[in-house]
Amino acid sequence: MDVLVAYDVSTTDADGPRRLRNVAQACTNYGQRVQQSVFECSVSRAQYEQLIDDLTSIIDEEKDSLRAYRLAQPTDETIETWGLDDTMDFDEPLVL
């Protein structure tokens, strides 16, 4: 399944920057950054559950916000991009 993860981590307290880095790293483990605090992830159902478990264990629910959107398939018919787009299509061969 394709998932869009968006988050807003408060950095006003001493632990905020660490939570922000940890949320970004957890998202990087499952997908690719497409905006500052937005990741596109292509995951199985089990990976999705693990991703959500990872993220909810990091954030402070009193200060931070986390959203996960399961995207309609096929995404090439539902996602439009304007401006810079340096995302990779992981379903295509990767040639460097």
C-alpha atoms as a PDB file:
ATOM      1  CA  MET A   1       0.000   0.000   0.000  1.00  0.00           C
ATOM      2  CA  ASP A   2       1.112   3.557  -0.618  1.00  0.00           C
ATOM      3  CA  VAL A   3       0.989   5.845   2.409  1.00  0.00           C
ATOM      4  CA  LEU A   4       1.601   9.552   2.868  1.00  0.00           C
ATOM      5  CA  VAL A   5       2.976  10.419   6.314  1.00  0.00           C
ATOM      6  CA  ALA A   6       2.911  14.024   7.521  1.00  0.00           C
ATOM      7  CA  TYR A   7       4.074  15.269  10.888  1.00  0.00           C
ATOM      8  CA  ASP A   8       4.575  18.413  12.899  1.00  0.00           C
ATOM      9  CA  VAL A   9       6.938  17.985  15.839  1.00  0.00           C
ATOM     10  CA  SER A  10       7.218  20.806  18.341  1.00  0.00           C
ATOM     11  CA  THR A  11      10.813  21.884  18.876  1.00  0.00           C
ATOM     12  CA  THR A  12      10.109  24.394  21.633  1.00  0.00           C
ATOM     13  CA  ASP A  13      11.136  22.001  24.408  1.00  0.00           C
ATOM     14  CA  ALA A  14      14.560  20.411  24.956  1.00  0.00           C
ATOM     15  CA  ASP A  15      13.476  16.998  23.600  1.00  0.00           C
ATOM     16  CA  GLY A  16      11.785  18.425  20.479  1.00  0.00           C
ATOM     17  CA  PRO A  17      14.779  18.422  18.097  1.00  0.00           C
ATOM     18  CA  ARG A  18      15.598  14.809  19.051  1.00  0.00           C
ATOM     19  CA  ARG A  19      11.968  13.713  18.434  1.00  0.00           C
ATOM     20  CA  LEU A  20      11.998  15.551  15.101  1.00  0.00           C
ATOM     21  CA  ARG A  21      15.185  13.751  13.977  1.00  0.00           C
ATOM     22  CA  ASN A  22      13.867  10.397  15.162  1.00  0.00           C
ATOM     23  CA  VAL A  23      10.530  10.801  13.368  1.00  0.00           C
ATOM     24  CA  ALA A  24      12.328  11.775  10.147  1.00  0.00           C
ATOM     25  CA  GLN A  25      14.707   8.810  10.458  1.00  0.00           C
ATOM     26  CA  ALA A  26      11.858   6.380  11.108  1.00  0.00           C
ATOM     27  CA  CYS A  27      10.046   7.668   8.003  1.00  0.00           C
ATOM     28  CA  THR A  28      13.253   7.381   5.952  1.00  0.00           C
ATOM     29  CA  ASN A  29      13.388   3.701   6.897  1.00  0.00           C
ATOM     30  CA  TYR A  30      10.072   3.151   5.100  1.00  0.00           C
ATOM     31  CA  GLY A  31       9.950   5.709   2.295  1.00  0.00           C
ATOM     32  CA  GLN A  32      11.238   8.916   0.802  1.00  0.00           C
ATOM     33  CA  ARG A  33      10.919  12.547   1.811  1.00  0.00           C
ATOM     34  CA  VAL A  34       8.828  14.595  -0.615  1.00  0.00           C
ATOM     35  CA  GLN A  35       8.452  17.744   1.533  1.00  0.00           C
ATOM     36  CA  GLN A  36      10.126  18.907   4.754  1.00  0.00           C
ATOM     37  CA  SER A  37       7.811  16.890   7.015  1.00  0.00           C
ATOM     38  CA  VAL A  38       6.067  14.667   4.460  1.00  0.00           C
ATOM     39  CA  PHE A  39       7.088  11.186   3.315  1.00  0.00           C
ATOM     40  CA  GLU A  40       5.706   8.826   0.681  1.00  0.00           C
ATOM     41  CA  CYS A  41       6.017   5.192   1.719  1.00  0.00           C
ATOM     42  CA  SER A  42       5.264   1.995  -0.161  1.00  0.00           C
ATOM     43  CA  VAL A  43       4.742  -0.662   2.508  1.00  0.00           C
ATOM     44  CA  SER A  44       3.016  -3.932   3.230  1.00  0.00           C
ATOM     45  CA  ARG A  45       0.244  -4.077   5.830  1.00  0.00           C
ATOM     46  CA  ALA A  46       2.716  -5.398   8.434  1.00  0.00           C
ATOM     47  CA  GLN A  47       5.249  -2.664   7.604  1.00  0.00           C
ATOM     48  CA  TYR A  48       2.497  -0.045   7.875  1.00  0.00           C
ATOM     49  CA  GLU A  49       1.588  -1.271  11.355  1.00  0.00           C
ATOM     50  CA  GLN A  50       5.276  -1.246  12.358  1.00  0.00           C
ATOM     51  CA  LEU A  51       5.771   2.267  10.923  1.00  0.00           C
ATOM     52  CA  ILE A  52       2.823   3.594  12.916  1.00  0.00           C
ATOM     53  CA  ASP A  53       4.068   1.822  16.062  1.00  0.00           C
ATOM     54  CA  ASP A  54       7.535   3.324  15.534  1.00  0.00           C
ATOM     55  CA  LEU A  55       6.202   6.834  15.017  1.00  0.00           C
ATOM     56  CA  THR A  56       3.677   6.846  17.844  1.00  0.00           C
ATOM     57  CA  SER A  57       6.377   5.660  20.238  1.00  0.00           C
ATOM     58  CA  ILE A  58       8.519   8.696  19.279  1.00  0.00           C
ATOM     59  CA  ILE A  59       6.074  11.589  19.248  1.00  0.00           C
ATOM     60  CA  ASP A  60       4.714  13.423  22.264  1.00  0.00           C
ATOM     61  CA  GLU A  61       0.946  13.329  21.736  1.00  0.00           C
ATOM     62  CA  GLU A  62       0.551  16.443  23.884  1.00  0.00           C
ATOM     63  CA  LYS A  63       2.830  18.531  21.641  1.00  0.00           C
ATOM     64  CA  ASP A  64       3.208  16.837  18.235  1.00  0.00           C
ATOM     65  CA  SER A  65       0.938  15.883  15.349  1.00  0.00           C
ATOM     66  CA  LEU A  66       1.131  12.844  13.081  1.00  0.00           C
ATOM     67  CA  ARG A  67      -1.065  11.910  10.104  1.00  0.00           C
ATOM     68  CA  ALA A  68      -0.971   8.881   7.812  1.00  0.00           C
ATOM     69  CA  TYR A  69      -2.990   8.795   4.594  1.00  0.00           C
ATOM     70  CA  ARG A  70      -3.453   5.522   2.719  1.00  0.00           C
ATOM     71  CA  LEU A  71      -3.443   6.534  -0.941  1.00  0.00           C
ATOM     72  CA  ALA A  72      -5.882   5.281  -3.556  1.00  0.00           C
ATOM     73  CA  GLN A  73      -4.453   2.957  -6.171  1.00  0.00           C
ATOM     74  CA  PRO A  74      -3.085   3.396  -8.761  1.00  0.00           C
ATOM     75  CA  THR A  75      -1.263   6.443  -7.426  1.00  0.00           C
ATOM     76  CA  ASP A  76      -0.040   7.535 -10.853  1.00  0.00           C
ATOM     77  CA  GLU A  77      -3.677   8.458 -11.543  1.00  0.00           C
ATOM     78  CA  THR A  78      -4.273  10.201  -8.200  1.00  0.00           C
ATOM     79  CA  ILE A  79      -1.054  12.114  -7.456  1.00  0.00           C
ATOM     80  CA  GLU A  80      -0.135  15.288  -9.318  1.00  0.00           C
ATOM     81  CA  THR A  81       3.078  17.229  -8.791  1.00  0.00           C
ATOM     82  CA  TRP A  82       4.010  20.800  -9.724  1.00  0.00           C
ATOM     83  CA  GLY A  83       7.454  22.313  -9.404  1.00  0.00           C
ATOM     84  CA  LEU A  84      10.470  20.353  -8.225  1.00  0.00           C
ATOM     85  CA  ASP A  85       9.955  16.598  -8.065  1.00  0.00           C
ATOM     86  CA  ASP A  86      13.037  14.520  -7.349  1.00  0.00           C
ATOM     87  CA  THR A  87      11.183  11.467  -6.063  1.00  0.00           C
ATOM     88  CA  MET A  88      12.155   8.035  -7.307  1.00  0.00           C
ATOM     89  CA  ASP A  89       9.775   5.411  -8.645  1.00  0.00           C
ATOM     90  CA  PHE A  90      10.795   2.309  -6.703  1.00  0.00           C
ATOM     91  CA  ASP A  91       8.752   0.106  -9.041  1.00  0.00           C
ATOM     92  CA  GLU A  92      11.086   0.985 -11.928  1.00  0.00           C
ATOM     93  CA  PRO A  93      14.693  -0.227 -12.287  1.00  0.00           C
ATOM     94  CA  LEU A  94      17.131   2.027 -10.468  1.00  0.00           C
ATOM     95  CA  VAL A  95      19.923   3.139 -12.765  1.00  0.00           C
ATOM     96  CA  LEU A  96      22.572   5.421 -11.359  1.00  0.00           C
END
